[in-house]
Amino acid sequence: MYTPDEWEEFIREWATALAEDYFQIKRLGGAGDKGADIAAFKTDRQFEGPWDCFQAKHYKEPLGYAVAAAEMLKVFTSVIDGAYCLPESYQFLAPRGLSTPFNMMVSKPTTLRNKFLDRLVEGDALVKGLDNVMLGAVQDLAAVTDFAMFRSVEVLDALDTHSRTRWHAARFATALPARADGEIPPEQYMPAEARYLQQLLAVYVERAPDKITTLDSVAGVPKLGRHLQRQRVSFFRAESLKAYSAGAVPPGTFEKLQEDIHAGVVDVAEGDHTDGYARLGQVLAQVGSLDLSRHKLIDVADMDDRKGVCHQLANDDRLTWVEEA
């Protein structure tokens, strides 16, 4: 069972997969949140513009009307106090769902509004602590509000939507979604691969200085030409893994994999070698032997991905194949 904080975080993750293209989603739950656990803003005006409110009610029992009414009241008083404008939707998410009577009420907005208005009277426990001015203002605002804004989200529907987020596999220990085939390197060299190619060129020039001066001349040495093509395949394979990670795993997951690969090969890269070609070869052999099983992405990665990460690191000058004089 989740804690209340974990439930709020689950809802924030869930909201990222909704069809609405939100400008930003903020988790605000806690003291002073004014009834807005998760706020999903539709424009950069945030609380001053259109937004949706997702309310996390983490109880052992189904959410009933008595508890929900107090949260609904908080929305109206917050709007009147100027904390925010009225949300376009206010959606309850509770692990045990809504009680049957409350769920029926939410399904009939006019009935829900009438029930709510019936309790906006002096002496009712719901409005205890409100002065007459605020009570009157709440009555007026609630009377003209379309209570269809109050909705419930069924747990099964929330889980189905959450399954399309980058957090789902990690949170529920499920298999990662299928990964598309890696991108085939384009014939033309791309700006994004400039530095690691420059590093490879240094390796090849060191090996065949009489035959190689540019990347285009590498093809003139068949063995090295094939070697270059394999490295580009690996680099683009790792780039595709990085792009895949943006939709399949939590932020930072790919970067943690990069860090562990760097830690696993950097001592080899900085060791003594006959030349850069030998250094590169030892690093690529080493990366294949690393135990990376704790990384979720390894479930969908292959040897080319591992080698490609080494070239990504070289692209960022975190690994160097030919030592500068």
C-alpha atoms as a PDB file:
ATOM      1  CA  MET A   1       0.000   0.000   0.000  1.00  0.00           C
ATOM      2  CA  TYR A   2       1.317   3.425  -0.881  1.00  0.00           C
ATOM      3  CA  THR A   3       1.907   6.182   1.641  1.00  0.00           C
ATOM      4  CA  PRO A   4       0.002   9.437   1.017  1.00  0.00           C
ATOM      5  CA  ASP A   5       3.175  10.985  -0.426  1.00  0.00           C
ATOM      6  CA  GLU A   6       3.698   8.031  -2.777  1.00  0.00           C
ATOM      7  CA  TRP A   7       0.079   8.231  -3.877  1.00  0.00           C
ATOM      8  CA  GLU A   8       0.484  11.910  -4.759  1.00  0.00           C
ATOM      9  CA  GLU A   9       3.642  11.125  -6.720  1.00  0.00           C
ATOM     10  CA  PHE A  10       1.833   8.337  -8.579  1.00  0.00           C
ATOM     11  CA  ILE A  11      -0.895  10.826  -9.541  1.00  0.00           C
ATOM     12  CA  ARG A  12       1.651  13.369 -10.758  1.00  0.00           C
ATOM     13  CA  GLU A  13       3.182  10.661 -12.953  1.00  0.00           C
ATOM     14  CA  TRP A  14      -0.258   9.571 -14.164  1.00  0.00           C
ATOM     15  CA  ALA A  15      -1.148  13.118 -15.171  1.00  0.00           C
ATOM     16  CA  THR A  16       1.766  13.266 -17.616  1.00  0.00           C
ATOM     17  CA  ALA A  17       0.070  10.622 -19.787  1.00  0.00           C
ATOM     18  CA  LEU A  18      -3.296  12.349 -20.054  1.00  0.00           C
ATOM     19  CA  ALA A  19      -4.438  13.491 -23.482  1.00  0.00           C
ATOM     20  CA  GLU A  20      -4.297  17.135 -22.403  1.00  0.00           C
ATOM     21  CA  ASP A  21      -1.069  18.864 -23.391  1.00  0.00           C
ATOM     22  CA  TYR A  22      -0.250  20.548 -20.105  1.00  0.00           C
ATOM     23  CA  PHE A  23       2.206  23.419 -19.872  1.00  0.00           C
ATOM     24  CA  GLN A  24       3.375  22.150 -16.484  1.00  0.00           C
ATOM     25  CA  ILE A  25       2.275  19.725 -13.774  1.00  0.00           C
ATOM     26  CA  LYS A  26       3.111  20.556 -10.166  1.00  0.00           C
ATOM     27  CA  ARG A  27       2.777  18.469  -7.032  1.00  0.00           C
ATOM     28  CA  LEU A  28       1.710  20.887  -4.291  1.00  0.00           C
ATOM     29  CA  GLY A  29       0.240  18.532  -1.689  1.00  0.00           C
ATOM     30  CA  GLY A  30       0.950  19.454   1.913  1.00  0.00           C
ATOM     31  CA  ALA A  31       0.303  22.277   4.336  1.00  0.00           C
ATOM     32  CA  GLY A  32      -0.914  25.363   2.532  1.00  0.00           C
ATOM     33  CA  ASP A  33      -1.816  23.619  -0.719  1.00  0.00           C
ATOM     34  CA  LYS A  34      -5.331  25.147  -0.582  1.00  0.00           C
ATOM     35  CA  GLY A  35      -6.933  21.956  -1.844  1.00  0.00           C
ATOM     36  CA  ALA A  36      -4.653  21.508  -4.844  1.00  0.00           C
ATOM     37  CA  ASP A  37      -2.552  18.367  -4.393  1.00  0.00           C
ATOM     38  CA  ILE A  38      -1.596  18.173  -8.059  1.00  0.00           C
ATOM     39  CA  ALA A  39      -2.065  21.208 -10.305  1.00  0.00           C
ATOM     40  CA  ALA A  40      -1.913  20.724 -14.072  1.00  0.00           C
ATOM     41  CA  PHE A  41      -1.592  24.059 -15.864  1.00  0.00           C
ATOM     42  CA  LYS A  42      -2.743  24.479 -19.454  1.00  0.00           C
ATOM     43  CA  THR A  43      -0.889  27.762 -20.110  1.00  0.00           C
ATOM     44  CA  ASP A  44       2.038  29.716 -18.728  1.00  0.00           C
ATOM     45  CA  ARG A  45      -0.467  31.773 -16.730  1.00  0.00           C
ATOM     46  CA  GLN A  46      -0.651  28.774 -14.395  1.00  0.00           C
ATOM     47  CA  PHE A  47      -3.142  29.495 -11.544  1.00  0.00           C
ATOM     48  CA  GLU A  48      -4.262  32.635 -13.354  1.00  0.00           C
ATOM     49  CA  GLY A  49      -5.316  30.644 -16.412  1.00  0.00           C
ATOM     50  CA  PRO A  50      -7.080  27.347 -17.171  1.00  0.00           C
ATOM     51  CA  TRP A  51      -5.934  24.419 -15.061  1.00  0.00           C
ATOM     52  CA  ASP A  52      -7.028  21.044 -13.726  1.00  0.00           C
ATOM     53  CA  CYS A  53      -6.840  19.942 -10.109  1.00  0.00           C
ATOM     54  CA  PHE A  54      -6.140  16.328  -9.140  1.00  0.00           C
ATOM     55  CA  GLN A  55      -6.945  15.577  -5.533  1.00  0.00           C
ATOM     56  CA  ALA A  56      -5.219  12.618  -3.872  1.00  0.00           C
ATOM     57  CA  LYS A  57      -7.346  11.181  -1.090  1.00  0.00           C
ATOM     58  CA  HIS A  58      -5.428   8.280   0.428  1.00  0.00           C
ATOM     59  CA  TYR A  59      -7.731   6.407   2.804  1.00  0.00           C
ATOM     60  CA  LYS A  60      -8.247   2.769   3.769  1.00  0.00           C
ATOM     61  CA  GLU A  61     -11.937   3.100   2.947  1.00  0.00           C
ATOM     62  CA  PRO A  62     -13.705   4.462  -0.157  1.00  0.00           C
ATOM     63  CA  LEU A  63     -13.904   8.246  -0.260  1.00  0.00           C
ATOM     64  CA  GLY A  64     -17.267   9.454   0.991  1.00  0.00           C
ATOM     65  CA  TYR A  65     -19.151  12.685   0.441  1.00  0.00           C
ATOM     66  CA  ALA A  66     -18.545  14.051   3.950  1.00  0.00           C
ATOM     67  CA  VAL A  67     -14.768  14.157   3.418  1.00  0.00           C
ATOM     68  CA  ALA A  68     -15.041  15.267  -0.207  1.00  0.00           C
ATOM     69  CA  ALA A  69     -17.398  18.134   0.617  1.00  0.00           C
ATOM     70  CA  ALA A  70     -14.771  19.699   2.870  1.00  0.00           C
ATOM     71  CA  GLU A  71     -12.264  19.552   0.011  1.00  0.00           C
ATOM     72  CA  MET A  72     -14.779  21.067  -2.397  1.00  0.00           C
ATOM     73  CA  LEU A  73     -15.449  23.889   0.067  1.00  0.00           C
ATOM     74  CA  LYS A  74     -11.701  24.548   0.234  1.00  0.00           C
ATOM     75  CA  VAL A  75     -11.677  25.104  -3.541  1.00  0.00           C
ATOM     76  CA  PHE A  76     -14.414  27.728  -3.385  1.00  0.00           C
ATOM     77  CA  THR A  77     -12.894  29.589  -0.433  1.00  0.00           C
ATOM     78  CA  SER A  78      -9.473  29.544  -2.137  1.00  0.00           C
ATOM     79  CA  VAL A  79     -10.937  31.019  -5.322  1.00  0.00           C
ATOM     80  CA  ILE A  80     -12.707  33.733  -3.326  1.00  0.00           C
ATOM     81  CA  ASP A  81      -9.480  34.498  -1.435  1.00  0.00           C
ATOM     82  CA  GLY A  82      -7.702  34.919  -4.775  1.00  0.00           C
ATOM     83  CA  ALA A  83      -5.368  31.919  -4.433  1.00  0.00           C
ATOM     84  CA  TYR A  84      -6.304  30.729  -7.911  1.00  0.00           C
ATOM     85  CA  CYS A  85      -9.090  30.802 -10.456  1.00  0.00           C
ATOM     86  CA  LEU A  86     -11.642  28.002 -10.511  1.00  0.00           C
ATOM     87  CA  PRO A  87     -10.139  24.859 -12.107  1.00  0.00           C
ATOM     88  CA  GLU A  88     -11.737  23.508 -15.252  1.00  0.00           C
ATOM     89  CA  SER A  89     -11.894  20.099 -13.603  1.00  0.00           C
ATOM     90  CA  TYR A  90     -11.385  18.830 -10.078  1.00  0.00           C
ATOM     91  CA  GLN A  91     -10.761  15.103 -10.079  1.00  0.00           C
ATOM     92  CA  PHE A  92     -10.690  12.822  -7.036  1.00  0.00           C
ATOM     93  CA  LEU A  93      -8.273   9.895  -7.077  1.00  0.00           C
ATOM     94  CA  ALA A  94      -8.539   7.488  -4.149  1.00  0.00           C
ATOM     95  CA  PRO A  95      -6.958   4.017  -3.872  1.00  0.00           C
ATOM     96  CA  ARG A  96     -10.285   2.540  -2.750  1.00  0.00           C
ATOM     97  CA  GLY A  97     -12.309   4.671  -5.115  1.00  0.00           C
ATOM     98  CA  LEU A  98     -15.413   6.601  -4.121  1.00  0.00           C
ATOM     99  CA  SER A  99     -18.205   5.266  -1.969  1.00  0.00           C
ATOM    100  CA  THR A 100     -21.199   4.162  -4.007  1.00  0.00           C
ATOM    101  CA  PRO A 101     -23.461   7.011  -2.798  1.00  0.00           C
ATOM    102  CA  PHE A 102     -20.800   9.642  -3.507  1.00  0.00           C
ATOM    103  CA  ASN A 103     -19.972   8.096  -6.872  1.00  0.00           C
ATOM    104  CA  MET A 104     -23.641   8.303  -7.781  1.00  0.00           C
ATOM    105  CA  MET A 105     -23.687  11.962  -6.725  1.00  0.00           C
ATOM    106  CA  VAL A 106     -20.595  12.811  -8.787  1.00  0.00           C
ATOM    107  CA  SER A 107     -22.303  11.197 -11.764  1.00  0.00           C
ATOM    108  CA  LYS A 108     -25.215  13.667 -11.391  1.00  0.00           C
ATOM    109  CA  PRO A 109     -23.662  17.165 -11.233  1.00  0.00           C
ATOM    110  CA  THR A 110     -26.958  18.955 -10.516  1.00  0.00           C
ATOM    111  CA  THR A 111     -27.684  16.654  -7.587  1.00  0.00           C
ATOM    112  CA  LEU A 112     -24.141  17.148  -6.284  1.00  0.00           C
ATOM    113  CA  ARG A 113     -24.485  20.931  -6.440  1.00  0.00           C
ATOM    114  CA  ASN A 114     -27.846  20.865  -4.652  1.00  0.00           C
ATOM    115  CA  LYS A 115     -26.474  18.619  -1.909  1.00  0.00           C
ATOM    116  CA  PHE A 116     -23.510  20.942  -1.493  1.00  0.00           C
ATOM    117  CA  LEU A 117     -25.684  24.067  -1.409  1.00  0.00           C
ATOM    118  CA  ASP A 118     -27.926  22.437   1.212  1.00  0.00           C
ATOM    119  CA  ARG A 119     -24.955  22.330   3.569  1.00  0.00           C
ATOM    120  CA  LEU A 120     -23.946  25.941   3.051  1.00  0.00           C
ATOM    121  CA  VAL A 121     -26.047  27.146   5.947  1.00  0.00           C
ATOM    122  CA  GLU A 122     -25.050  28.673   9.244  1.00  0.00           C
ATOM    123  CA  GLY A 123     -24.672  26.005  11.891  1.00  0.00           C
ATOM    124  CA  ASP A 124     -23.722  23.168   9.545  1.00  0.00           C
ATOM    125  CA  ALA A 125     -20.457  21.484  10.549  1.00  0.00           C
ATOM    126  CA  LEU A 126     -19.166  21.855   6.980  1.00  0.00           C
ATOM    127  CA  VAL A 127     -19.009  25.647   7.198  1.00  0.00           C
ATOM    128  CA  LYS A 128     -17.896  25.928  10.805  1.00  0.00           C
ATOM    129  CA  GLY A 129     -15.393  28.759  11.066  1.00  0.00           C
ATOM    130  CA  LEU A 130     -16.622  30.690   8.030  1.00  0.00           C
ATOM    131  CA  ASP A 131     -17.877  34.192   8.695  1.00  0.00           C
ATOM    132  CA  ASN A 132     -21.105  35.352   7.114  1.00  0.00           C
ATOM    133  CA  VAL A 133     -19.319  37.281   4.363  1.00  0.00           C
ATOM    134  CA  MET A 134     -17.324  34.254   3.217  1.00  0.00           C
ATOM    135  CA  LEU A 135     -20.337  31.954   3.592  1.00  0.00           C
ATOM    136  CA  GLY A 136     -22.403  34.213   1.354  1.00  0.00           C
ATOM    137  CA  ALA A 137     -19.627  34.414  -1.213  1.00  0.00           C
ATOM    138  CA  VAL A 138     -19.314  30.619  -1.305  1.00  0.00           C
ATOM    139  CA  GLN A 139     -23.080  30.271  -1.725  1.00  0.00           C
ATOM    140  CA  ASP A 140     -23.077  32.693  -4.645  1.00  0.00           C
ATOM    141  CA  LEU A 141     -20.094  31.077  -6.408  1.00  0.00           C
ATOM    142  CA  ALA A 142     -21.301  27.502  -5.897  1.00  0.00           C
ATOM    143  CA  ALA A 143     -24.755  28.405  -7.206  1.00  0.00           C
ATOM    144  CA  VAL A 144     -23.353  29.456 -10.585  1.00  0.00           C
ATOM    145  CA  THR A 145     -20.682  26.764 -10.867  1.00  0.00           C
ATOM    146  CA  ASP A 146     -21.137  23.744 -13.121  1.00  0.00           C
ATOM    147  CA  PHE A 147     -20.493  20.850 -10.742  1.00  0.00           C
ATOM    148  CA  ALA A 148     -19.574  18.635 -13.681  1.00  0.00           C
ATOM    149  CA  MET A 149     -16.068  19.921 -12.885  1.00  0.00           C
ATOM    150  CA  PHE A 150     -16.009  17.487  -9.956  1.00  0.00           C
ATOM    151  CA  ARG A 151     -15.122  14.052 -11.219  1.00  0.00           C
ATOM    152  CA  SER A 152     -13.729  10.732 -10.086  1.00  0.00           C
ATOM    153  CA  VAL A 153     -10.972   8.697 -11.681  1.00  0.00           C
ATOM    154  CA  GLU A 154     -11.357   4.945 -11.406  1.00  0.00           C
ATOM    155  CA  VAL A 155      -8.235   3.165 -10.142  1.00  0.00           C
ATOM    156  CA  LEU A 156      -8.153   0.709 -13.051  1.00  0.00           C
ATOM    157  CA  ASP A 157      -8.372   3.590 -15.518  1.00  0.00           C
ATOM    158  CA  ALA A 158      -5.573   5.395 -13.677  1.00  0.00           C
ATOM    159  CA  LEU A 159      -3.373   2.288 -13.836  1.00  0.00           C
ATOM    160  CA  ASP A 160      -4.038   1.880 -17.556  1.00  0.00           C
ATOM    161  CA  THR A 161      -3.087   5.496 -18.213  1.00  0.00           C
ATOM    162  CA  HIS A 162      -0.045   5.249 -15.944  1.00  0.00           C
ATOM    163  CA  SER A 163       1.175   2.264 -17.973  1.00  0.00           C
ATOM    164  CA  ARG A 164       1.941   4.736 -20.773  1.00  0.00           C
ATOM    165  CA  THR A 165       4.308   6.790 -18.617  1.00  0.00           C
ATOM    166  CA  ARG A 166       8.078   6.515 -18.264  1.00  0.00           C
ATOM    167  CA  TRP A 167       7.670   5.659 -14.562  1.00  0.00           C
ATOM    168  CA  HIS A 168       5.431   2.607 -14.885  1.00  0.00           C
ATOM    169  CA  ALA A 169       8.001  -0.169 -15.349  1.00  0.00           C
ATOM    170  CA  ALA A 170      10.150   1.079 -12.489  1.00  0.00           C
ATOM    171  CA  ARG A 171       7.222   1.645 -10.122  1.00  0.00           C
ATOM    172  CA  PHE A 172       5.528  -1.707 -10.738  1.00  0.00           C
ATOM    173  CA  ALA A 173       8.578  -3.810 -11.674  1.00  0.00           C
ATOM    174  CA  THR A 174       7.110  -4.711 -15.047  1.00  0.00           C
ATOM    175  CA  ALA A 175       8.903  -5.312 -18.323  1.00  0.00           C
ATOM    176  CA  LEU A 176       9.948  -2.286 -20.321  1.00  0.00           C
ATOM    177  CA  PRO A 177       7.957  -1.536 -23.484  1.00  0.00           C
ATOM    178  CA  ALA A 178       9.263  -2.902 -26.762  1.00  0.00           C
ATOM    179  CA  ARG A 179      12.107  -0.942 -28.278  1.00  0.00           C
ATOM    180  CA  ALA A 180      12.312  -0.097 -31.962  1.00  0.00           C
ATOM    181  CA  ASP A 181      15.315  -1.079 -34.052  1.00  0.00           C
ATOM    182  CA  GLY A 182      18.267   1.267 -33.810  1.00  0.00           C
ATOM    183  CA  GLU A 183      18.693   4.063 -36.302  1.00  0.00           C
ATOM    184  CA  ILE A 184      20.984   3.287 -39.238  1.00  0.00           C
ATOM    185  CA  PRO A 185      23.819   5.830 -39.354  1.00  0.00           C
ATOM    186  CA  PRO A 186      23.309   8.316 -42.192  1.00  0.00           C
ATOM    187  CA  GLU A 187      25.904   8.393 -44.939  1.00  0.00           C
ATOM    188  CA  GLN A 188      26.696  11.995 -44.143  1.00  0.00           C
ATOM    189  CA  TYR A 189      28.400  12.687 -40.844  1.00  0.00           C
ATOM    190  CA  MET A 190      26.172  14.603 -38.447  1.00  0.00           C
ATOM    191  CA  PRO A 191      27.194  17.593 -36.292  1.00  0.00           C
ATOM    192  CA  ALA A 192      26.114  15.722 -33.162  1.00  0.00           C
ATOM    193  CA  GLU A 193      28.801  13.078 -33.710  1.00  0.00           C
ATOM    194  CA  ALA A 194      31.655  15.451 -34.501  1.00  0.00           C
ATOM    195  CA  ARG A 195      33.813  15.007 -31.416  1.00  0.00           C
ATOM    196  CA  TYR A 196      33.807  11.206 -31.133  1.00  0.00           C
ATOM    197  CA  LEU A 197      34.534  10.984 -34.880  1.00  0.00           C
ATOM    198  CA  GLN A 198      37.409  13.395 -34.405  1.00  0.00           C
ATOM    199  CA  GLN A 199      38.707  11.112 -31.688  1.00  0.00           C
ATOM    200  CA  LEU A 200      38.363   8.068 -33.949  1.00  0.00           C
ATOM    201  CA  LEU A 201      40.171   9.878 -36.743  1.00  0.00           C
ATOM    202  CA  ALA A 202      43.088  10.453 -34.368  1.00  0.00           C
ATOM    203  CA  VAL A 203      43.157   6.687 -33.737  1.00  0.00           C
ATOM    204  CA  TYR A 204      43.238   5.896 -37.444  1.00  0.00           C
ATOM    205  CA  VAL A 205      45.838   8.551 -38.301  1.00  0.00           C
ATOM    206  CA  GLU A 206      48.063   7.114 -35.592  1.00  0.00           C
ATOM    207  CA  ARG A 207      47.632   3.635 -37.099  1.00  0.00           C
ATOM    208  CA  ALA A 208      48.073   4.576 -40.762  1.00  0.00           C
ATOM    209  CA  PRO A 209      49.593   8.066 -40.971  1.00  0.00           C
ATOM    210  CA  ASP A 210      50.702   7.566 -44.556  1.00  0.00           C
ATOM    211  CA  LYS A 211      47.199   6.681 -45.771  1.00  0.00           C
ATOM    212  CA  ILE A 212      44.742   8.532 -43.534  1.00  0.00           C
ATOM    213  CA  THR A 213      44.378  12.272 -43.072  1.00  0.00           C
ATOM    214  CA  THR A 214      40.603  12.739 -43.091  1.00  0.00           C
ATOM    215  CA  LEU A 215      37.517  10.682 -42.229  1.00  0.00           C
ATOM    216  CA  ASP A 216      36.819  10.230 -45.933  1.00  0.00           C
ATOM    217  CA  SER A 217      40.238   8.665 -46.388  1.00  0.00           C
ATOM    218  CA  VAL A 218      39.591   5.994 -43.739  1.00  0.00           C
ATOM    219  CA  ALA A 219      37.678   3.954 -46.330  1.00  0.00           C
ATOM    220  CA  GLY A 220      40.992   3.557 -48.183  1.00  0.00           C
ATOM    221  CA  VAL A 221      42.127   1.175 -45.446  1.00  0.00           C
ATOM    222  CA  PRO A 222      39.401  -1.493 -45.561  1.00  0.00           C
ATOM    223  CA  LYS A 223      39.953  -2.848 -42.056  1.00  0.00           C
ATOM    224  CA  LEU A 224      39.760   0.606 -40.519  1.00  0.00           C
ATOM    225  CA  GLY A 225      36.878   1.588 -42.779  1.00  0.00           C
ATOM    226  CA  ARG A 226      34.853  -1.348 -41.471  1.00  0.00           C
ATOM    227  CA  HIS A 227      35.912  -0.491 -37.942  1.00  0.00           C
ATOM    228  CA  LEU A 228      34.671   3.090 -38.348  1.00  0.00           C
ATOM    229  CA  GLN A 229      31.318   1.907 -39.651  1.00  0.00           C
ATOM    230  CA  ARG A 230      30.867  -0.415 -36.656  1.00  0.00           C
ATOM    231  CA  GLN A 231      31.606   2.433 -34.238  1.00  0.00           C
ATOM    232  CA  ARG A 232      29.024   4.649 -35.910  1.00  0.00           C
ATOM    233  CA  VAL A 233      26.447   1.865 -35.682  1.00  0.00           C
ATOM    234  CA  SER A 234      27.215   1.565 -31.963  1.00  0.00           C
ATOM    235  CA  PHE A 235      27.005   5.319 -31.408  1.00  0.00           C
ATOM    236  CA  PHE A 236      23.619   5.621 -33.101  1.00  0.00           C
ATOM    237  CA  ARG A 237      22.408   2.548 -31.267  1.00  0.00           C
ATOM    238  CA  ALA A 238      23.235   4.226 -27.946  1.00  0.00           C
ATOM    239  CA  GLU A 239      21.590   7.436 -29.132  1.00  0.00           C
ATOM    240  CA  SER A 240      18.417   5.484 -29.845  1.00  0.00           C
ATOM    241  CA  LEU A 241      18.585   3.974 -26.341  1.00  0.00           C
ATOM    242  CA  LYS A 242      18.868   7.477 -24.902  1.00  0.00           C
ATOM    243  CA  ALA A 243      15.832   8.622 -26.896  1.00  0.00           C
ATOM    244  CA  TYR A 244      13.911   5.486 -25.883  1.00  0.00           C
ATOM    245  CA  SER A 245      14.698   6.128 -22.214  1.00  0.00           C
ATOM    246  CA  ALA A 246      12.837   9.453 -22.367  1.00  0.00           C
ATOM    247  CA  GLY A 247       9.535   7.608 -22.645  1.00  0.00           C
ATOM    248  CA  ALA A 248      10.259   4.321 -20.868  1.00  0.00           C
ATOM    249  CA  VAL A 249      12.110   5.047 -17.626  1.00  0.00           C
ATOM    250  CA  PRO A 250      12.307   7.845 -15.024  1.00  0.00           C
ATOM    251  CA  PRO A 251      14.489  10.892 -15.736  1.00  0.00           C
ATOM    252  CA  GLY A 252      18.157  10.318 -15.032  1.00  0.00           C
ATOM    253  CA  THR A 253      18.046   6.556 -15.649  1.00  0.00           C
ATOM    254  CA  PHE A 254      20.094   6.682 -18.838  1.00  0.00           C
ATOM    255  CA  GLU A 255      22.566   9.090 -17.274  1.00  0.00           C
ATOM    256  CA  LYS A 256      23.092   6.696 -14.349  1.00  0.00           C
ATOM    257  CA  LEU A 257      23.883   3.940 -16.837  1.00  0.00           C
ATOM    258  CA  GLN A 258      26.390   6.233 -18.535  1.00  0.00           C
ATOM    259  CA  GLU A 259      28.001   7.013 -15.189  1.00  0.00           C
ATOM    260  CA  ASP A 260      28.437   3.347 -14.290  1.00  0.00           C
ATOM    261  CA  ILE A 261      29.874   2.559 -17.701  1.00  0.00           C
ATOM    262  CA  HIS A 262      32.301   5.450 -17.352  1.00  0.00           C
ATOM    263  CA  ALA A 263      33.340   4.252 -13.893  1.00  0.00           C
ATOM    264  CA  GLY A 264      33.810   0.738 -15.255  1.00  0.00           C
ATOM    265  CA  VAL A 265      36.077   1.654 -18.183  1.00  0.00           C
ATOM    266  CA  VAL A 266      37.879   4.877 -17.281  1.00  0.00           C
ATOM    267  CA  ASP A 267      40.799   3.137 -15.550  1.00  0.00           C
ATOM    268  CA  VAL A 268      41.343   1.030 -18.661  1.00  0.00           C
ATOM    269  CA  ALA A 269      41.141   4.110 -20.874  1.00  0.00           C
ATOM    270  CA  GLU A 270      43.719   5.922 -18.762  1.00  0.00           C
ATOM    271  CA  GLY A 271      46.076   2.938 -18.604  1.00  0.00           C
ATOM    272  CA  ASP A 272      49.186   2.385 -20.717  1.00  0.00           C
ATOM    273  CA  HIS A 273      48.574   1.091 -24.255  1.00  0.00           C
ATOM    274  CA  THR A 274      50.670   0.759 -27.364  1.00  0.00           C
ATOM    275  CA  ASP A 275      48.440   3.200 -29.227  1.00  0.00           C
ATOM    276  CA  GLY A 276      44.958   4.658 -29.360  1.00  0.00           C
ATOM    277  CA  TYR A 277      43.583   1.751 -31.377  1.00  0.00           C
ATOM    278  CA  ALA A 278      44.682  -0.668 -28.659  1.00  0.00           C
ATOM    279  CA  ARG A 279      43.257   1.614 -25.938  1.00  0.00           C
ATOM    280  CA  LEU A 280      39.897   1.819 -27.707  1.00  0.00           C
ATOM    281  CA  GLY A 281      39.834  -1.939 -28.241  1.00  0.00           C
ATOM    282  CA  GLN A 282      40.506  -2.639 -24.558  1.00  0.00           C
ATOM    283  CA  VAL A 283      37.793  -0.207 -23.471  1.00  0.00           C
ATOM    284  CA  LEU A 284      35.240  -1.789 -25.813  1.00  0.00           C
ATOM    285  CA  ALA A 285      36.195  -5.235 -24.515  1.00  0.00           C
ATOM    286  CA  GLN A 286      35.925  -4.035 -20.920  1.00  0.00           C
ATOM    287  CA  VAL A 287      32.472  -2.509 -21.340  1.00  0.00           C
ATOM    288  CA  GLY A 288      31.153  -5.852 -22.528  1.00  0.00           C
ATOM    289  CA  SER A 289      32.221  -7.526 -19.286  1.00  0.00           C
ATOM    290  CA  LEU A 290      30.691  -4.995 -16.892  1.00  0.00           C
ATOM    291  CA  ASP A 291      27.916  -6.175 -14.597  1.00  0.00           C
ATOM    292  CA  LEU A 292      25.166  -3.656 -15.332  1.00  0.00           C
ATOM    293  CA  SER A 293      22.261  -5.851 -14.259  1.00  0.00           C
ATOM    294  CA  ARG A 294      21.016  -3.321 -11.715  1.00  0.00           C
ATOM    295  CA  HIS A 295      20.168  -0.965 -14.563  1.00  0.00           C
ATOM    296  CA  LYS A 296      16.645  -1.431 -15.943  1.00  0.00           C
ATOM    297  CA  LEU A 297      17.689  -0.317 -19.430  1.00  0.00           C
ATOM    298  CA  ILE A 298      20.061  -3.257 -19.744  1.00  0.00           C
ATOM    299  CA  ASP A 299      16.948  -5.402 -20.240  1.00  0.00           C
ATOM    300  CA  VAL A 300      16.542  -3.825 -23.684  1.00  0.00           C
ATOM    301  CA  ALA A 301      20.201  -3.067 -24.460  1.00  0.00           C
ATOM    302  CA  ASP A 302      22.769  -5.081 -26.402  1.00  0.00           C
ATOM    303  CA  MET A 303      26.529  -4.975 -26.878  1.00  0.00           C
ATOM    304  CA  ASP A 304      26.326  -2.209 -29.456  1.00  0.00           C
ATOM    305  CA  ASP A 305      24.501  -0.048 -26.914  1.00  0.00           C
ATOM    306  CA  ARG A 306      27.306  -0.527 -24.402  1.00  0.00           C
ATOM    307  CA  LYS A 307      29.972   0.299 -26.970  1.00  0.00           C
ATOM    308  CA  GLY A 308      27.957   3.239 -28.198  1.00  0.00           C
ATOM    309  CA  VAL A 309      27.811   4.711 -24.692  1.00  0.00           C
ATOM    310  CA  CYS A 310      31.622   4.707 -24.705  1.00  0.00           C
ATOM    311  CA  HIS A 311      31.523   6.779 -27.880  1.00  0.00           C
ATOM    312  CA  GLN A 312      28.969   9.104 -26.284  1.00  0.00           C
ATOM    313  CA  LEU A 313      31.425   9.587 -23.444  1.00  0.00           C
ATOM    314  CA  ALA A 314      34.184  10.267 -25.984  1.00  0.00           C
ATOM    315  CA  ASN A 315      31.848  12.720 -27.690  1.00  0.00           C
ATOM    316  CA  ASP A 316      31.710  14.586 -24.368  1.00  0.00           C
ATOM    317  CA  ASP A 317      35.506  14.300 -23.893  1.00  0.00           C
ATOM    318  CA  ARG A 318      35.045  12.093 -20.868  1.00  0.00           C
ATOM    319  CA  LEU A 319      37.033   9.338 -22.586  1.00  0.00           C
ATOM    320  CA  THR A 320      40.056   9.924 -24.814  1.00  0.00           C
ATOM    321  CA  TRP A 321      41.605   7.410 -27.201  1.00  0.00           C
ATOM    322  CA  VAL A 322      44.807   9.180 -28.276  1.00  0.00           C
ATOM    323  CA  GLU A 323      46.766  11.006 -25.635  1.00  0.00           C
ATOM    324  CA  GLU A 324      47.714  14.537 -26.570  1.00  0.00           C
ATOM    325  CA  ALA A 325      51.431  15.227 -26.806  1.00  0.00           C
END
